[in-house]
Amino acid sequence: MPVSIVAPCGLVCDLCRGFPRQKNRCPGCTAEGGKPTYCATCAVVRCPEKGGDPVKPCSACPKYPCRRLKALEKRYTTNYGESLLENFRRIGEVGTDRFLLEADEAWRCPECGELLCAHRPKCPRCEAPNVHYKRETPRSAGRGAQA
């Protein structure tokens, strides 16, 4: 199934760990209800600058990019290899539909073709390394220091 939803923050919802799971599944940031607590209370979705419109993209805000989005951008770029600001730039260039096609292609496991999760270091199907994932895992921490 191709990726389908861009969150208001610029993340592709399909890449979030809450989106594909069966139990306590998140239907995506732009959907109504049924979200896990951390999704339902998201500061970006509930931002007062949105004027009560939770699906309004951050890129449409006069304060874009705000402090909140910059902090999220830093976390996602540093840990997960996903740039929210770059996503918005690309959407502006090619449109949402083309962007989603590109994201779908870019975030497929090179080994088995499964959609990768931005929050996981390995493919959910075949356990191949997620080439985008940058966050140091406890197992890999400190390996460079050993001789």
C-alpha atoms as a PDB file:
ATOM      1  CA  MET A   1       0.000   0.000   0.000  1.00  0.00           C
ATOM      2  CA  PRO A   2       1.527   3.340  -1.001  1.00  0.00           C
ATOM      3  CA  VAL A   3       2.064   6.103   1.531  1.00  0.00           C
ATOM      4  CA  SER A   4      -0.995   8.285   1.811  1.00  0.00           C
ATOM      5  CA  ILE A   5      -0.974  11.017   4.473  1.00  0.00           C
ATOM      6  CA  VAL A   6       1.222  14.028   5.200  1.00  0.00           C
ATOM      7  CA  ALA A   7       0.843  15.210   8.784  1.00  0.00           C
ATOM      8  CA  PRO A   8       0.455  18.937   9.496  1.00  0.00           C
ATOM      9  CA  CYS A   9       4.105  18.966  10.643  1.00  0.00           C
ATOM     10  CA  GLY A  10       5.346  17.564   7.317  1.00  0.00           C
ATOM     11  CA  LEU A  11       6.003  13.995   8.441  1.00  0.00           C
ATOM     12  CA  VAL A  12       4.565  11.234   6.300  1.00  0.00           C
ATOM     13  CA  CYS A  13       2.138   9.585   8.757  1.00  0.00           C
ATOM     14  CA  ASP A  14       2.717   6.173   7.194  1.00  0.00           C
ATOM     15  CA  LEU A  15       6.336   6.278   8.465  1.00  0.00           C
ATOM     16  CA  CYS A  16       5.292   6.725  12.089  1.00  0.00           C
ATOM     17  CA  ARG A  17       5.345   3.666  14.342  1.00  0.00           C
ATOM     18  CA  GLY A  18       1.719   4.277  15.350  1.00  0.00           C
ATOM     19  CA  PHE A  19       0.317   4.178  11.831  1.00  0.00           C
ATOM     20  CA  PRO A  20       0.903   0.573  10.641  1.00  0.00           C
ATOM     21  CA  ARG A  21       0.438  -1.342  13.881  1.00  0.00           C
ATOM     22  CA  GLN A  22      -2.702  -3.353  14.574  1.00  0.00           C
ATOM     23  CA  LYS A  23      -3.229  -2.604  18.276  1.00  0.00           C
ATOM     24  CA  ASN A  24      -3.804   1.043  19.280  1.00  0.00           C
ATOM     25  CA  ARG A  25      -3.327   2.076  15.635  1.00  0.00           C
ATOM     26  CA  CYS A  26      -3.180   5.749  14.773  1.00  0.00           C
ATOM     27  CA  PRO A  27      -5.317   6.573  11.707  1.00  0.00           C
ATOM     28  CA  GLY A  28      -3.053   9.523  10.888  1.00  0.00           C
ATOM     29  CA  CYS A  29      -2.791  13.080  12.119  1.00  0.00           C
ATOM     30  CA  THR A  30      -5.474  14.428   9.804  1.00  0.00           C
ATOM     31  CA  ALA A  31      -8.071  11.789  10.796  1.00  0.00           C
ATOM     32  CA  GLU A  32     -10.680  12.307  13.493  1.00  0.00           C
ATOM     33  CA  GLY A  33     -10.552  10.238  16.701  1.00  0.00           C
ATOM     34  CA  GLY A  34      -9.064   6.852  17.441  1.00  0.00           C
ATOM     35  CA  LYS A  35      -5.549   8.164  18.040  1.00  0.00           C
ATOM     36  CA  PRO A  36      -3.135   7.017  20.735  1.00  0.00           C
ATOM     37  CA  THR A  37      -2.750   9.566  23.548  1.00  0.00           C
ATOM     38  CA  TYR A  38       0.592  10.908  22.343  1.00  0.00           C
ATOM     39  CA  CYS A  39      -0.931  11.552  18.894  1.00  0.00           C
ATOM     40  CA  ALA A  40      -4.171  13.028  20.225  1.00  0.00           C
ATOM     41  CA  THR A  41      -2.241  15.501  22.396  1.00  0.00           C
ATOM     42  CA  CYS A  42       0.350  16.468  19.774  1.00  0.00           C
ATOM     43  CA  ALA A  43       1.439  20.084  20.282  1.00  0.00           C
ATOM     44  CA  VAL A  44       1.785  20.647  16.536  1.00  0.00           C
ATOM     45  CA  VAL A  45      -1.718  19.415  15.690  1.00  0.00           C
ATOM     46  CA  ARG A  46      -3.173  21.381  18.616  1.00  0.00           C
ATOM     47  CA  CYS A  47      -1.138  24.532  17.898  1.00  0.00           C
ATOM     48  CA  PRO A  48      -3.149  27.694  18.636  1.00  0.00           C
ATOM     49  CA  GLU A  49      -1.840  29.295  15.421  1.00  0.00           C
ATOM     50  CA  LYS A  50      -3.983  26.832  13.450  1.00  0.00           C
ATOM     51  CA  GLY A  51      -7.133  28.618  14.560  1.00  0.00           C
ATOM     52  CA  GLY A  52      -8.869  25.356  15.425  1.00  0.00           C
ATOM     53  CA  ASP A  53      -7.995  23.648  12.113  1.00  0.00           C
ATOM     54  CA  PRO A  54      -5.918  20.601  13.120  1.00  0.00           C
ATOM     55  CA  VAL A  55      -5.232  19.558   9.506  1.00  0.00           C
ATOM     56  CA  LYS A  56      -3.789  22.926   8.450  1.00  0.00           C
ATOM     57  CA  PRO A  57      -0.150  22.353   7.453  1.00  0.00           C
ATOM     58  CA  CYS A  58       2.504  24.219   9.371  1.00  0.00           C
ATOM     59  CA  SER A  59       3.854  25.519   6.059  1.00  0.00           C
ATOM     60  CA  ALA A  60       0.666  27.615   5.691  1.00  0.00           C
ATOM     61  CA  CYS A  61       1.309  29.455   8.959  1.00  0.00           C
ATOM     62  CA  PRO A  62       2.685  33.014   8.940  1.00  0.00           C
ATOM     63  CA  LYS A  63       5.145  31.951  11.697  1.00  0.00           C
ATOM     64  CA  TYR A  64       6.520  29.047   9.610  1.00  0.00           C
ATOM     65  CA  PRO A  65       8.903  27.641  10.617  1.00  0.00           C
ATOM     66  CA  CYS A  66       8.158  28.297  14.273  1.00  0.00           C
ATOM     67  CA  ARG A  67      10.178  27.258  17.320  1.00  0.00           C
ATOM     68  CA  ARG A  68       8.013  24.148  17.836  1.00  0.00           C
ATOM     69  CA  LEU A  69       8.468  22.943  14.245  1.00  0.00           C
ATOM     70  CA  LYS A  70      12.195  23.707  14.286  1.00  0.00           C
ATOM     71  CA  ALA A  71      12.606  21.552  17.407  1.00  0.00           C
ATOM     72  CA  LEU A  72      10.684  18.708  15.772  1.00  0.00           C
ATOM     73  CA  GLU A  73      12.719  19.158  12.581  1.00  0.00           C
ATOM     74  CA  LYS A  74      15.961  18.857  14.546  1.00  0.00           C
ATOM     75  CA  ARG A  75      14.778  15.677  16.267  1.00  0.00           C
ATOM     76  CA  TYR A  76      13.609  14.011  13.057  1.00  0.00           C
ATOM     77  CA  THR A  77      16.609  15.057  10.979  1.00  0.00           C
ATOM     78  CA  THR A  78      19.096  14.017  13.653  1.00  0.00           C
ATOM     79  CA  ASN A  79      17.495  10.741  14.737  1.00  0.00           C
ATOM     80  CA  TYR A  80      15.413   9.473  11.852  1.00  0.00           C
ATOM     81  CA  GLY A  81      16.819  10.908   8.629  1.00  0.00           C
ATOM     82  CA  GLU A  82      13.551  12.681   7.799  1.00  0.00           C
ATOM     83  CA  SER A  83      13.430  16.438   7.192  1.00  0.00           C
ATOM     84  CA  LEU A  84      10.020  17.984   7.743  1.00  0.00           C
ATOM     85  CA  LEU A  85      11.098  21.307   6.245  1.00  0.00           C
ATOM     86  CA  GLU A  86      12.519  19.555   3.188  1.00  0.00           C
ATOM     87  CA  ASN A  87       9.231  17.664   2.843  1.00  0.00           C
ATOM     88  CA  PHE A  88       7.316  20.953   2.748  1.00  0.00           C
ATOM     89  CA  ARG A  89       9.790  22.386   0.240  1.00  0.00           C
ATOM     90  CA  ARG A  90       9.369  19.351  -1.994  1.00  0.00           C
ATOM     91  CA  ILE A  91       5.566  19.438  -1.705  1.00  0.00           C
ATOM     92  CA  GLY A  92       5.725  23.075  -2.841  1.00  0.00           C
ATOM     93  CA  GLU A  93       7.815  22.061  -5.858  1.00  0.00           C
ATOM     94  CA  VAL A  94       6.014  18.937  -7.069  1.00  0.00           C
ATOM     95  CA  GLY A  95       2.683  18.812  -5.193  1.00  0.00           C
ATOM     96  CA  THR A  96       1.459  16.421  -2.528  1.00  0.00           C
ATOM     97  CA  ASP A  97       0.623  13.491  -4.806  1.00  0.00           C
ATOM     98  CA  ARG A  98       4.066  13.422  -6.453  1.00  0.00           C
ATOM     99  CA  PHE A  99       5.758  13.949  -3.100  1.00  0.00           C
ATOM    100  CA  LEU A 100       3.930  10.937  -1.623  1.00  0.00           C
ATOM    101  CA  LEU A 101       5.014   8.778  -4.564  1.00  0.00           C
ATOM    102  CA  GLU A 102       8.622   9.850  -4.020  1.00  0.00           C
ATOM    103  CA  ALA A 103       8.396   9.233  -0.272  1.00  0.00           C
ATOM    104  CA  ASP A 104       6.922   5.798  -0.856  1.00  0.00           C
ATOM    105  CA  GLU A 105       9.833   4.888  -3.103  1.00  0.00           C
ATOM    106  CA  ALA A 106      12.482   6.389  -0.808  1.00  0.00           C
ATOM    107  CA  TRP A 107      11.179   4.694   2.344  1.00  0.00           C
ATOM    108  CA  ARG A 108      10.917   1.131   1.001  1.00  0.00           C
ATOM    109  CA  CYS A 109      13.257  -1.507   2.383  1.00  0.00           C
ATOM    110  CA  PRO A 110      15.895  -2.246  -0.278  1.00  0.00           C
ATOM    111  CA  GLU A 111      15.841  -5.927   0.732  1.00  0.00           C
ATOM    112  CA  CYS A 112      12.130  -6.815   0.789  1.00  0.00           C
ATOM    113  CA  GLY A 113      10.196  -3.728  -0.347  1.00  0.00           C
ATOM    114  CA  GLU A 114       8.284  -3.254   2.940  1.00  0.00           C
ATOM    115  CA  LEU A 115       7.617   0.329   4.023  1.00  0.00           C
ATOM    116  CA  LEU A 116      10.135   1.301   6.691  1.00  0.00           C
ATOM    117  CA  CYS A 117       9.226   2.998   9.951  1.00  0.00           C
ATOM    118  CA  ALA A 118      11.068   6.248  10.660  1.00  0.00           C
ATOM    119  CA  HIS A 119      11.221   5.335  14.363  1.00  0.00           C
ATOM    120  CA  ARG A 120      12.716   1.856  13.997  1.00  0.00           C
ATOM    121  CA  PRO A 121      16.307   0.904  13.138  1.00  0.00           C
ATOM    122  CA  LYS A 122      15.245  -2.202  11.182  1.00  0.00           C
ATOM    123  CA  CYS A 123      12.699  -3.225   8.583  1.00  0.00           C
ATOM    124  CA  PRO A 124       9.517  -4.550  10.255  1.00  0.00           C
ATOM    125  CA  ARG A 125       9.373  -7.487   7.847  1.00  0.00           C
ATOM    126  CA  CYS A 126      12.921  -8.724   7.173  1.00  0.00           C
ATOM    127  CA  GLU A 127      14.983  -6.964   9.897  1.00  0.00           C
ATOM    128  CA  ALA A 128      17.295  -5.346   7.312  1.00  0.00           C
ATOM    129  CA  PRO A 129      18.813  -2.064   8.565  1.00  0.00           C
ATOM    130  CA  ASN A 130      16.736   1.059   8.026  1.00  0.00           C
ATOM    131  CA  VAL A 131      19.081   3.162   5.892  1.00  0.00           C
ATOM    132  CA  HIS A 132      17.426   6.403   7.058  1.00  0.00           C
ATOM    133  CA  TYR A 133      17.634   5.704  10.787  1.00  0.00           C
ATOM    134  CA  LYS A 134      20.393   7.718  12.488  1.00  0.00           C
ATOM    135  CA  ARG A 135      19.623   7.373  16.153  1.00  0.00           C
ATOM    136  CA  GLU A 136      22.219   5.371  18.029  1.00  0.00           C
ATOM    137  CA  THR A 137      20.755   2.159  19.396  1.00  0.00           C
ATOM    138  CA  PRO A 138      21.846   0.913  22.847  1.00  0.00           C
ATOM    139  CA  ARG A 139      23.520  -2.064  21.196  1.00  0.00           C
ATOM    140  CA  SER A 140      25.617   0.107  18.868  1.00  0.00           C
ATOM    141  CA  ALA A 141      26.487   2.769  21.452  1.00  0.00           C
ATOM    142  CA  GLY A 142      30.147   2.804  22.273  1.00  0.00           C
ATOM    143  CA  ARG A 143      31.186   0.265  19.634  1.00  0.00           C
ATOM    144  CA  GLY A 144      33.616   2.688  18.068  1.00  0.00           C
ATOM    145  CA  ALA A 145      35.536   2.974  21.342  1.00  0.00           C
ATOM    146  CA  GLN A 146      36.334  -0.754  21.499  1.00  0.00           C
ATOM    147  CA  ALA A 147      39.487  -2.074  19.854  1.00  0.00           C
END
